[in-house]
């Protein structure tokens, strides 16, 4: 069994590098002239002393800084391809979008799952492992550090003092030592050190709180990661969808059990006197939607009004955790009126109105003429010589009609594609279908958002900034003084800014009429 008892009589835990009581180095293996490693005050960490059970091995794995760095690197490498092309939550019909917009590369990008990389199980698992690593790394180090700093003794072993990175010794008689120790204690106090004295020993310390900066930063990062993970792991905590609602339409909002009615969509332009000089083109001043929010009663299945008001850019409608932002405004074709002409008699048989959002299957005109819609493509496009639609929005409507009448032996088939002249393929048809009129409607594009994790993310970010400030702008400095057998020994340690510590000690000793020169020691 390893002997961890110090010559001062204190029994130290296995793995301790410096005696917890006097600071004497223990079992250094030939490194007796090197400055002491003071990172964790020589305390044994759990990951270094317990390695037998499965829990110990898992703890040791996640307590490794190298493992944490590799996890971060792997996560970053996985995240980079996600920036090449838009993610799935930003596009409609991803199975079609990537191949159509980016060709073979886009199709491969989609098939490899890179189009949804930030919500993939692997990415979420990596974020979780980084969070676990932060927790374990922090606990593995902060607990022994806290115990060491809380229980540190004023009187230290001479070897401990001499082997500090900043140290020196000065011959001094017993008659001089009391006066000199008093002077040094007073001067250190004026430098805002907290001074404790025990016999012929002094411990001066300031800025201990800065040692907790990295761990407070870790707490903030853990909260930040927790907030991000809650978005993906807890249903209802995060929603970021878009919806387009026509004037007068009641539509269910995506991802929530609410319905919204667009009472009125308005656009306001700048007046001419508000425009820059020489500008002739009108500029939009404000988009605005007057809306009513409904919730369905589960018992009666009827919609009940829960909120109403205006939705303006940067001024969303709020209801509970739900936010509705004005994101877009458009005027679209809502319906078309079509004329049916008899090419033989050159007379108009009649007309019919087609609602582009909800077309009927059959229309009856005078004289027994009947029009059936065989196919309807709201956003027409050709893919592989086959007609299809890119979206459900009527951006480029196309129809396949079947026209039947008593004057025909069999129904005629006619195509009507927005922006395309198809007279050549219909030259043998008796009936011709032409556009007579368009009916437009204002459409509001809204963002539907819920983010319950945002306060956690902001709190985590704030705590992290506080931890960074504590670690960067303040220093933990300690000075040990001990007189023994005609010599005054002085040693000092800081977690950063060694030059500043040396300069401060030179000022203190000079003011105490014991000028000393502190030169850096080579490790």
Protein backbone atom coordinates (compact mmCIF):
# COMPACT_ATOMS: atom_id res chain seq x y z
CA UNK A 1 0.00 0.00 0.00
CA UNK A 2 1.31 3.45 -0.91
CA UNK A 3 2.62 5.45 2.04
CA UNK A 4 1.14 8.96 1.88
CA UNK A 5 2.02 10.12 5.39
CA UNK A 6 4.07 13.33 5.45
CA UNK A 7 6.95 14.01 7.83
CA UNK A 8 4.70 16.61 9.50
CA UNK A 9 2.43 13.74 10.56
CA UNK A 10 -0.48 14.45 8.22
CA UNK A 11 -2.03 11.49 6.38
CA UNK A 12 -2.73 12.46 2.78
CA UNK A 13 -5.11 10.72 0.34
CA UNK A 14 -3.53 8.43 -2.25
CA UNK A 15 -2.32 10.39 -5.28
CA UNK A 16 -1.59 13.64 -3.41
CA UNK A 17 1.44 15.48 -4.82
CA UNK A 18 1.81 18.11 -2.07
CA UNK A 19 1.08 17.57 1.59
CA UNK A 20 -2.35 19.03 2.34
CA UNK A 21 -1.07 20.50 5.60
CA UNK A 22 2.48 21.78 5.11
CA UNK A 23 2.86 21.66 1.32
CA UNK A 24 5.93 19.42 1.29
CA UNK A 25 6.36 17.64 -2.08
CA UNK A 26 5.61 13.91 -1.90
CA UNK A 27 7.23 11.20 -4.08
CA UNK A 28 8.45 13.32 -6.99
CA UNK A 29 10.68 10.79 -8.69
CA UNK A 30 13.81 12.84 -9.29
CA UNK A 31 12.18 16.21 -10.03
CA UNK A 32 13.32 17.90 -6.86
CA UNK A 33 14.69 21.04 -8.49
CA UNK A 34 11.72 21.95 -10.66
CA UNK A 35 9.12 24.55 -9.58
CA UNK A 36 6.09 22.92 -8.02
CA UNK A 37 2.98 22.13 -10.03
CA UNK A 38 0.35 24.28 -8.30
CA UNK A 39 -2.58 23.85 -10.70
CA UNK A 40 -4.79 22.00 -8.21
CA UNK A 41 -2.62 22.64 -5.15
CA UNK A 42 -1.24 19.13 -5.52
CA UNK A 43 -4.57 17.56 -4.56
CA UNK A 44 -5.45 14.13 -5.94
CA UNK A 45 -8.31 14.16 -8.44
CA UNK A 46 -10.92 11.42 -8.55
CA UNK A 47 -10.02 10.53 -12.14
CA UNK A 48 -6.42 9.84 -11.08
CA UNK A 49 -7.13 7.70 -8.04
CA UNK A 50 -10.19 5.59 -8.93
CA UNK A 51 -9.93 3.49 -12.07
CA UNK A 52 -11.40 0.09 -11.25
CA UNK A 53 -15.18 0.19 -11.76
CA UNK A 54 -17.09 1.01 -14.96
CA UNK A 55 -18.27 4.28 -13.42
CA UNK A 56 -14.65 5.21 -12.66
CA UNK A 57 -13.62 4.52 -16.25
CA UNK A 58 -16.49 6.56 -17.68
CA UNK A 59 -15.63 9.36 -15.25
CA UNK A 60 -11.97 9.23 -16.27
CA UNK A 61 -12.91 9.33 -19.97
CA UNK A 62 -15.10 12.42 -19.65
CA UNK A 63 -12.70 14.16 -17.23
CA UNK A 64 -9.99 14.28 -19.89
CA UNK A 65 -9.44 17.70 -21.46
CA UNK A 66 -8.15 15.98 -24.60
CA UNK A 67 -11.44 14.12 -24.95
CA UNK A 68 -13.37 17.38 -24.53
CA UNK A 69 -11.25 19.07 -27.21
CA UNK A 70 -11.75 16.18 -29.63
CA UNK A 71 -15.50 16.21 -29.03
CA UNK A 72 -15.59 19.93 -29.83
CA UNK A 73 -13.47 19.44 -32.97
CA UNK A 74 -15.65 16.56 -34.21
CA UNK A 75 -18.81 18.60 -33.55
CA UNK A 76 -17.40 21.57 -35.47
CA UNK A 77 -16.37 19.34 -38.39
CA UNK A 78 -19.88 17.90 -38.48
CA UNK A 79 -21.45 21.35 -38.26
CA UNK A 80 -19.45 22.88 -41.12
CA UNK A 81 -21.17 20.95 -43.98
CA UNK A 82 -24.51 22.12 -42.60
CA UNK A 83 -23.59 25.64 -43.72
CA UNK A 84 -23.01 24.72 -47.37
CA UNK A 85 -26.70 24.65 -48.34
CA UNK A 86 -29.94 25.72 -46.63
CA UNK A 87 -31.23 23.32 -43.99
CA UNK A 88 -34.50 21.43 -44.41
CA UNK A 89 -36.43 23.67 -42.03
CA UNK A 90 -35.86 26.58 -44.42
CA UNK A 91 -37.13 24.97 -47.62
CA UNK A 92 -40.33 23.39 -48.88
CA UNK A 93 -40.34 19.80 -50.14
CA UNK A 94 -36.66 19.04 -49.43
CA UNK A 95 -36.81 15.74 -51.33
CA UNK A 96 -37.33 17.81 -54.49
CA UNK A 97 -35.65 21.11 -53.62
CA UNK A 98 -32.01 19.99 -53.31
CA UNK A 99 -31.88 17.94 -56.50
CA UNK A 100 -33.69 20.63 -58.47
CA UNK A 101 -31.69 23.61 -57.19
CA UNK A 102 -28.21 22.08 -56.80
CA UNK A 103 -28.24 19.05 -59.07
CA UNK A 104 -26.31 15.89 -58.20
CA UNK A 105 -24.45 17.60 -55.35
CA UNK A 106 -27.73 18.72 -53.78
CA UNK A 107 -29.23 15.25 -54.14
CA UNK A 108 -26.16 13.66 -52.47
CA UNK A 109 -26.25 16.36 -49.78
CA UNK A 110 -29.86 15.43 -49.00
CA UNK A 111 -29.28 11.67 -49.07
CA UNK A 112 -26.32 11.92 -46.69
CA UNK A 113 -28.51 13.73 -44.16
CA UNK A 114 -26.44 16.92 -44.24
CA UNK A 115 -29.61 18.89 -44.97
CA UNK A 116 -30.75 18.22 -41.41
CA UNK A 117 -27.42 17.92 -39.63
CA UNK A 118 -28.21 20.16 -36.64
CA UNK A 119 -31.22 18.07 -35.63
CA UNK A 120 -29.60 14.70 -36.33
CA UNK A 121 -29.20 12.19 -33.46
CA UNK A 122 -25.41 12.21 -33.93
CA UNK A 123 -25.14 16.00 -33.56
CA UNK A 124 -27.41 16.00 -30.51
CA UNK A 125 -25.39 13.13 -28.99
CA UNK A 126 -22.14 15.06 -29.51
CA UNK A 127 -23.59 18.17 -27.84
CA UNK A 128 -24.75 15.99 -24.94
CA UNK A 129 -21.29 14.45 -24.59
CA UNK A 130 -19.69 17.91 -24.56
CA UNK A 131 -22.10 18.91 -21.79
CA UNK A 132 -21.29 15.76 -19.79
CA UNK A 133 -17.58 16.40 -20.30
CA UNK A 134 -17.95 19.97 -19.00
CA UNK A 135 -19.75 18.74 -15.88
CA UNK A 136 -17.26 15.94 -15.14
CA UNK A 137 -14.16 18.04 -15.92
CA UNK A 138 -15.41 20.80 -13.63
CA UNK A 139 -16.34 18.53 -10.72
CA UNK A 140 -13.11 16.55 -11.05
CA UNK A 141 -11.07 19.72 -10.60
CA UNK A 142 -13.12 22.25 -8.66
CA UNK A 143 -13.81 20.01 -5.65
CA UNK A 144 -10.14 19.29 -4.78
CA UNK A 145 -9.22 22.90 -5.56
CA UNK A 146 -11.95 24.22 -3.26
CA UNK A 147 -10.87 21.90 -0.42
CA UNK A 148 -7.22 22.87 -0.84
CA UNK A 149 -7.84 26.63 -0.83
CA UNK A 150 -10.36 26.47 2.00
CA UNK A 151 -8.06 24.49 4.30
CA UNK A 152 -4.68 25.97 3.35
CA UNK A 153 -2.29 26.53 6.25
CA UNK A 154 -0.28 29.65 7.00
CA UNK A 155 2.93 27.81 7.90
CA UNK A 156 4.41 25.99 4.93
CA UNK A 157 7.35 23.63 4.53
CA UNK A 158 10.56 25.37 3.47
CA UNK A 159 10.80 23.21 0.33
CA UNK A 160 7.32 24.36 -0.67
CA UNK A 161 8.33 28.02 -0.38
CA UNK A 162 11.73 27.65 -2.09
CA UNK A 163 10.32 25.78 -5.05
CA UNK A 164 7.72 28.34 -5.95
CA UNK A 165 8.22 29.94 -9.35
CA UNK A 166 8.88 33.28 -7.59
CA UNK A 167 11.00 32.81 -4.49
CA UNK A 168 14.05 34.10 -2.64
CA UNK A 169 15.66 33.97 0.80
CA UNK A 170 17.32 36.60 2.96
CA UNK A 171 19.60 36.10 6.02
CA UNK A 172 17.97 37.72 9.03
CA UNK A 173 18.64 37.65 12.74
CA UNK A 174 15.98 36.73 15.24
CA UNK A 175 15.99 40.30 16.54
CA UNK A 176 15.19 41.70 13.07
CA UNK A 177 12.59 39.17 12.00
CA UNK A 178 9.63 40.42 14.10
CA UNK A 179 9.97 44.01 12.87
CA UNK A 180 10.48 42.91 9.27
CA UNK A 181 7.51 40.51 9.31
CA UNK A 182 5.33 43.31 10.72
CA UNK A 183 6.47 45.69 7.97
CA UNK A 184 5.91 43.16 5.21
CA UNK A 185 2.46 42.28 6.56
CA UNK A 186 1.51 45.97 6.64
CA UNK A 187 2.78 46.67 3.11
CA UNK A 188 1.01 43.59 1.72
CA UNK A 189 -2.22 44.71 3.40
CA UNK A 190 -1.93 48.06 1.63
CA UNK A 191 -1.75 46.13 -1.64
CA UNK A 192 -5.15 44.65 -0.71
CA UNK A 193 -3.81 41.28 0.34
CA UNK A 194 -5.68 39.40 3.05
CA UNK A 195 -2.90 38.66 5.55
CA UNK A 196 -2.89 35.88 8.14
CA UNK A 197 -0.03 35.30 10.58
CA UNK A 198 0.99 32.29 12.59
CA UNK A 199 4.15 32.59 14.68
CA UNK A 200 7.02 33.33 12.29
CA UNK A 201 4.93 32.63 9.17
CA UNK A 202 2.72 34.86 7.01
CA UNK A 203 0.23 34.00 4.29
CA UNK A 204 -0.95 36.90 2.13
CA UNK A 205 -3.65 36.25 -0.46
CA UNK A 206 -5.87 38.24 -2.82
CA UNK A 207 -8.11 37.56 -5.80
CA UNK A 208 -9.03 33.99 -4.83
CA UNK A 209 -12.44 34.42 -6.47
CA UNK A 210 -10.75 34.61 -9.89
CA UNK A 211 -9.88 30.90 -9.57
CA UNK A 212 -13.59 30.14 -9.84
CA UNK A 213 -13.90 32.06 -13.12
CA UNK A 214 -13.31 29.05 -15.42
CA UNK A 215 -15.79 26.93 -13.48
CA UNK A 216 -18.44 29.66 -13.51
CA UNK A 217 -17.78 29.89 -17.23
CA UNK A 218 -18.37 26.12 -17.43
CA UNK A 219 -21.67 26.49 -15.56
CA UNK A 220 -22.75 29.08 -18.11
CA UNK A 221 -21.73 26.85 -21.01
CA UNK A 222 -23.56 23.89 -19.47
CA UNK A 223 -26.74 25.97 -19.15
CA UNK A 224 -26.28 27.21 -22.72
CA UNK A 225 -25.92 23.66 -24.04
CA UNK A 226 -28.87 22.53 -21.91
CA UNK A 227 -31.02 25.24 -23.46
CA UNK A 228 -29.97 24.21 -26.96
CA UNK A 229 -30.62 20.52 -26.26
CA UNK A 230 -34.04 21.21 -24.74
CA UNK A 231 -35.05 22.67 -28.10
CA UNK A 232 -34.57 19.30 -29.74
CA UNK A 233 -35.36 16.88 -26.92
CA UNK A 234 -38.52 18.33 -25.35
CA UNK A 235 -41.56 18.61 -27.62
CA UNK A 236 -43.15 22.04 -27.60
CA UNK A 237 -40.08 23.87 -26.34
CA UNK A 238 -39.00 25.20 -29.71
CA UNK A 239 -40.85 26.04 -32.90
CA UNK A 240 -39.76 28.06 -35.90
CA UNK A 241 -42.18 27.75 -38.80
CA UNK A 242 -43.62 30.00 -41.49
CA UNK A 243 -47.17 30.28 -42.72
CA UNK A 244 -48.87 32.29 -45.47
CA UNK A 245 -52.46 33.37 -44.82
CA UNK A 246 -54.68 35.11 -47.35
CA UNK A 247 -56.94 37.97 -46.40
CA UNK A 248 -60.15 36.57 -44.93
CA UNK A 249 -58.70 33.08 -44.52
CA UNK A 250 -58.67 31.07 -41.28
CA UNK A 251 -55.70 28.72 -41.17
CA UNK A 252 -54.22 26.32 -38.63
CA UNK A 253 -50.79 27.40 -37.50
CA UNK A 254 -48.07 24.76 -38.02
CA UNK A 255 -46.83 22.95 -34.93
CA UNK A 256 -49.46 24.32 -32.52
CA UNK A 257 -53.18 23.86 -31.86
CA UNK A 258 -54.08 27.42 -32.76
CA UNK A 259 -55.87 28.94 -35.75
CA UNK A 260 -55.33 32.42 -37.15
CA UNK A 261 -57.66 34.55 -39.22
CA UNK A 262 -56.21 37.24 -41.44
CA UNK A 263 -58.80 39.98 -41.07
CA UNK A 264 -56.89 42.50 -43.16
CA UNK A 265 -53.41 42.73 -44.65
CA UNK A 266 -52.11 46.22 -45.33
CA UNK A 267 -48.98 47.75 -46.76
CA UNK A 268 -47.98 51.36 -46.14
CA UNK A 269 -45.57 53.29 -48.36
CA UNK A 270 -43.46 56.33 -47.57
CA UNK A 271 -44.89 59.66 -48.65
CA UNK A 272 -43.05 61.54 -51.34
CA UNK A 273 -41.78 64.11 -48.83
CA UNK A 274 -40.33 61.27 -46.70
CA UNK A 275 -38.39 59.79 -49.61
CA UNK A 276 -34.74 60.61 -50.35
CA UNK A 277 -34.21 63.29 -52.97
CA UNK A 278 -34.15 61.95 -56.51
CA UNK A 279 -35.84 58.69 -55.55
CA UNK A 280 -38.78 57.90 -57.78
CA UNK A 281 -39.47 54.31 -56.77
CA UNK A 282 -41.93 53.88 -53.91
CA UNK A 283 -40.59 52.27 -50.73
CA UNK A 284 -42.48 50.14 -48.23
CA UNK A 285 -42.79 51.73 -44.81
CA UNK A 286 -44.71 49.06 -42.97
CA UNK A 287 -46.41 45.69 -43.38
CA UNK A 288 -49.32 45.12 -41.07
CA UNK A 289 -51.78 42.30 -40.45
CA UNK A 290 -54.96 42.61 -38.44
CA UNK A 291 -55.43 39.11 -37.06
CA UNK A 292 -57.57 37.05 -34.71
CA UNK A 293 -56.13 34.03 -32.89
CA UNK A 294 -58.41 31.09 -32.15
CA UNK A 295 -58.13 27.91 -30.13
CA UNK A 296 -60.30 24.87 -30.81
CA UNK A 297 -62.55 23.74 -27.98
CA UNK A 298 -61.88 19.98 -27.59
CA UNK A 299 -65.46 19.35 -26.45
CA UNK A 300 -67.48 21.34 -28.99
CA UNK A 301 -64.84 21.40 -31.75
CA UNK A 302 -65.61 25.09 -32.23
CA UNK A 303 -63.04 27.86 -32.51
CA UNK A 304 -62.82 30.21 -29.55
CA UNK A 305 -61.13 33.59 -29.83
CA UNK A 306 -58.18 33.93 -27.47
CA UNK A 307 -56.41 37.02 -28.82
CA UNK A 308 -56.64 39.66 -31.51
CA UNK A 309 -54.57 42.61 -32.63
CA UNK A 310 -52.04 43.89 -35.12
CA UNK A 311 -48.93 42.07 -36.29
CA UNK A 312 -46.26 44.52 -37.46
CA UNK A 313 -42.62 43.98 -38.40
CA UNK A 314 -40.59 43.67 -35.15
CA UNK A 315 -43.81 43.89 -33.10
CA UNK A 316 -45.22 40.36 -32.90
CA UNK A 317 -48.55 39.19 -31.58
CA UNK A 318 -47.98 37.39 -28.29
CA UNK A 319 -50.06 34.74 -26.61
CA UNK A 320 -48.40 32.71 -23.90
CA UNK A 321 -45.16 31.37 -25.37
CA UNK A 322 -46.43 31.84 -28.94
CA UNK A 323 -45.02 34.70 -31.02
CA UNK A 324 -46.32 35.65 -34.47
CA UNK A 325 -43.96 37.86 -36.50
CA UNK A 326 -44.72 39.73 -39.72
CA UNK A 327 -42.10 38.42 -42.13
CA UNK A 328 -43.47 38.95 -45.63
CA UNK A 329 -46.26 40.56 -47.61
CA UNK A 330 -47.41 39.68 -51.08
CA UNK A 331 -50.25 40.09 -53.51
CA UNK A 332 -51.09 36.84 -55.26
CA UNK A 333 -53.64 35.55 -57.70
CA UNK A 334 -56.55 34.10 -55.77
CA UNK A 335 -58.83 33.09 -58.63
CA UNK A 336 -58.97 33.20 -62.42
CA UNK A 337 -61.94 33.69 -64.71
CA UNK A 338 -61.74 31.67 -67.94
CA UNK A 339 -63.67 32.11 -71.19
CA UNK A 340 -64.75 29.10 -73.25
CA UNK A 341 -65.00 29.88 -76.98
CA UNK A 342 -66.38 27.82 -79.85
CA UNK A 343 -63.76 28.20 -82.58
CA UNK A 344 -66.20 27.16 -85.31
CA UNK A 345 -68.83 29.77 -84.51
CA UNK A 346 -66.29 32.17 -82.94
CA UNK A 347 -68.73 32.75 -80.11
CA UNK A 348 -68.09 32.74 -76.38
CA UNK A 349 -69.99 29.85 -74.85
CA UNK A 350 -69.57 31.16 -71.34
CA UNK A 351 -67.04 31.58 -68.55
CA UNK A 352 -66.26 30.02 -65.21
CA UNK A 353 -64.30 31.04 -62.14
CA UNK A 354 -61.59 28.77 -60.69
CA UNK A 355 -60.50 29.22 -57.08
CA UNK A 356 -56.77 28.47 -57.26
CA UNK A 357 -56.62 27.39 -53.62
CA UNK A 358 -59.66 25.13 -53.72
CA UNK A 359 -60.76 24.41 -57.32
CA UNK A 360 -63.89 22.44 -58.10
CA UNK A 361 -63.65 19.25 -60.13
CA UNK A 362 -66.52 20.11 -62.51
CA UNK A 363 -68.00 23.29 -64.04
CA UNK A 364 -71.25 23.43 -66.06
CA UNK A 365 -71.95 26.16 -68.64
CA UNK A 366 -74.89 27.03 -70.85
CA UNK A 367 -75.63 24.95 -73.94
CA UNK A 368 -74.66 21.78 -72.06
CA UNK A 369 -70.90 22.48 -72.07
CA UNK A 370 -69.13 20.80 -69.16
CA UNK A 371 -65.52 21.31 -68.04
CA UNK A 372 -63.74 18.81 -65.80
CA UNK A 373 -60.37 19.45 -64.17
CA UNK A 374 -58.29 16.33 -64.74
CA UNK A 375 -55.06 17.64 -63.17
CA UNK A 376 -54.06 20.77 -61.31
CA UNK A 377 -50.46 21.85 -60.62
CA UNK A 378 -50.39 25.00 -58.39
CA UNK A 379 -46.67 25.64 -58.96
CA UNK A 380 -46.01 23.94 -62.28
CA UNK A 381 -42.60 22.50 -63.16
CA UNK A 382 -41.30 19.68 -65.37
CA UNK A 383 -39.18 16.97 -63.74
CA UNK A 384 -37.92 14.11 -65.86
CA UNK A 385 -40.41 14.93 -68.62
CA UNK A 386 -43.21 14.64 -66.07
CA UNK A 387 -45.34 17.55 -64.85
CA UNK A 388 -45.34 18.19 -61.10
CA UNK A 389 -45.62 21.05 -58.63
CA UNK A 390 -42.88 22.64 -56.53
CA UNK A 391 -45.26 23.79 -53.80
CA UNK A 392 -48.91 24.09 -52.90
CA UNK A 393 -48.87 27.84 -53.52
CA UNK A 394 -50.41 28.95 -56.87
CA UNK A 395 -47.27 30.66 -58.15
CA UNK A 396 -47.55 29.20 -61.65
CA UNK A 397 -50.87 27.38 -61.96
CA UNK A 398 -51.36 24.79 -64.70
CA UNK A 399 -54.49 22.81 -65.56
CA UNK A 400 -55.47 19.85 -67.66
CA UNK A 401 -59.13 20.30 -68.67
CA UNK A 402 -61.57 17.92 -70.32
CA UNK A 403 -64.24 19.83 -72.28
CA UNK A 404 -67.43 17.97 -73.18
CA UNK A 405 -70.58 19.11 -74.99
CA UNK A 406 -73.41 17.65 -77.10
CA UNK A 407 -71.54 18.87 -80.19
CA UNK A 408 -68.56 16.61 -79.49
CA UNK A 409 -68.25 12.88 -80.05
CA UNK A 410 -65.83 12.61 -77.14
CA UNK A 411 -64.35 15.08 -74.60
CA UNK A 412 -61.46 17.29 -75.70
CA UNK A 413 -58.36 17.62 -73.56
CA UNK A 414 -56.85 21.11 -73.11
CA UNK A 415 -53.79 22.38 -71.27
CA UNK A 416 -53.59 25.80 -69.62
CA UNK A 417 -50.21 26.83 -68.20
CA UNK A 418 -49.54 30.26 -66.73
CA UNK A 419 -47.27 32.29 -69.00
CA UNK A 420 -47.21 29.69 -71.81
CA UNK A 421 -48.78 29.85 -75.29
CA UNK A 422 -50.23 26.42 -76.14
CA UNK A 423 -52.33 27.29 -79.18
CA UNK A 424 -50.25 24.97 -81.34
CA UNK A 425 -51.23 21.80 -79.49
CA UNK A 426 -54.91 22.75 -79.35
CA UNK A 427 -55.42 23.58 -83.01
CA UNK A 428 -57.61 20.51 -83.58
CA UNK A 429 -59.84 21.26 -80.59
CA UNK A 430 -63.26 22.81 -81.18
CA UNK A 431 -63.30 24.67 -77.87
CA UNK A 432 -60.67 27.09 -76.69
CA UNK A 433 -60.12 28.14 -73.07
CA UNK A 434 -58.65 31.62 -72.58
CA UNK A 435 -57.91 33.80 -69.58
CA UNK A 436 -60.48 36.54 -69.08
CA UNK A 437 -59.65 38.03 -65.70
CA UNK A 438 -57.56 37.66 -62.55
CA UNK A 439 -58.65 38.17 -58.95
CA UNK A 440 -55.87 39.01 -56.49
CA UNK A 441 -55.66 38.93 -52.72
CA UNK A 442 -53.16 40.19 -50.14
CA UNK A 443 -51.19 37.45 -48.38
CA UNK A 444 -49.34 37.86 -45.08
CA UNK A 445 -46.22 35.78 -44.52
CA UNK A 446 -45.86 35.12 -40.80
CA UNK A 447 -43.21 33.46 -38.65
CA UNK A 448 -44.61 31.18 -35.96
CA UNK A 449 -42.18 30.94 -33.06
CA UNK A 450 -41.99 29.34 -29.64
CA UNK A 451 -38.70 29.30 -27.74
CA UNK A 452 -39.04 28.36 -24.08
CA UNK A 453 -35.32 27.65 -23.88
CA UNK A 454 -34.29 31.21 -24.76
CA UNK A 455 -34.18 32.44 -21.11
CA UNK A 456 -31.96 29.47 -20.21
CA UNK A 457 -29.65 30.24 -23.14
CA UNK A 458 -29.43 33.94 -22.21
CA UNK A 459 -28.82 33.18 -18.52
CA UNK A 460 -26.12 30.66 -19.49
CA UNK A 461 -24.47 33.16 -21.83
CA UNK A 462 -24.55 35.84 -19.11
CA UNK A 463 -23.02 33.53 -16.50
CA UNK A 464 -20.36 32.47 -19.01
CA UNK A 465 -19.40 36.11 -19.66
CA UNK A 466 -19.14 36.73 -15.91
CA UNK A 467 -16.87 33.69 -15.57
CA UNK A 468 -14.68 34.86 -18.45
CA UNK A 469 -14.37 38.32 -16.91
CA UNK A 470 -13.42 36.85 -13.52
CA UNK A 471 -10.75 34.68 -15.09
CA UNK A 472 -9.30 37.29 -17.46
CA UNK A 473 -9.28 40.53 -15.46
CA UNK A 474 -8.39 39.36 -11.95
CA UNK A 475 -5.50 37.28 -10.61
CA UNK A 476 -5.14 34.94 -7.68
CA UNK A 477 -1.92 35.87 -5.90
CA UNK A 478 -0.43 34.33 -2.76
CA UNK A 479 2.73 35.14 -0.84
CA UNK A 480 4.24 32.85 1.81
CA UNK A 481 6.80 34.15 4.31
CA UNK A 482 8.58 32.05 6.94
CA UNK A 483 11.53 32.78 9.16
CA UNK A 484 13.56 29.75 10.24
CA UNK A 485 17.04 29.36 11.70
CA UNK A 486 18.33 32.81 10.72
CA UNK A 487 16.80 32.99 7.23
CA UNK A 488 13.62 34.61 5.92
CA UNK A 489 12.10 32.59 3.09
CA UNK A 490 9.67 34.18 0.63
CA UNK A 491 7.70 32.37 -2.06
CA UNK A 492 4.83 33.55 -4.25
CA UNK A 493 2.43 32.12 -6.77
CA UNK A 494 -0.14 33.51 -9.21
CA UNK A 495 -2.33 31.89 -11.82
CA UNK A 496 -1.30 34.50 -14.42
CA UNK A 497 0.73 37.70 -14.98
CA UNK A 498 3.97 36.65 -13.34
CA UNK A 499 5.66 39.88 -14.35
CA UNK A 500 3.07 41.87 -12.40
CA UNK A 501 3.55 39.68 -9.34
CA UNK A 502 7.35 40.12 -9.39
CA UNK A 503 7.03 43.88 -9.78
CA UNK A 504 4.52 44.05 -6.92
CA UNK A 505 6.80 42.04 -4.61
CA UNK A 506 9.76 44.27 -5.46
CA UNK A 507 7.66 47.31 -4.51
CA UNK A 508 6.52 45.70 -1.24
CA UNK A 509 10.03 44.66 -0.15
CA UNK A 510 11.48 48.04 -1.12
CA UNK A 511 8.81 49.88 0.92
CA UNK A 512 9.61 47.56 3.85
CA UNK A 513 13.32 48.55 3.67
CA UNK A 514 14.30 45.07 2.47
CA UNK A 515 14.71 45.54 -1.29
CA UNK A 516 14.80 42.23 -3.14
CA UNK A 517 15.18 41.42 -6.81
CA UNK A 518 12.94 38.66 -8.19
CA UNK A 519 14.19 37.05 -11.37
CA UNK A 520 12.35 34.33 -13.32
CA UNK A 521 13.47 30.80 -12.64
CA UNK A 522 13.76 28.30 -15.45
CA UNK A 523 11.51 25.26 -15.21
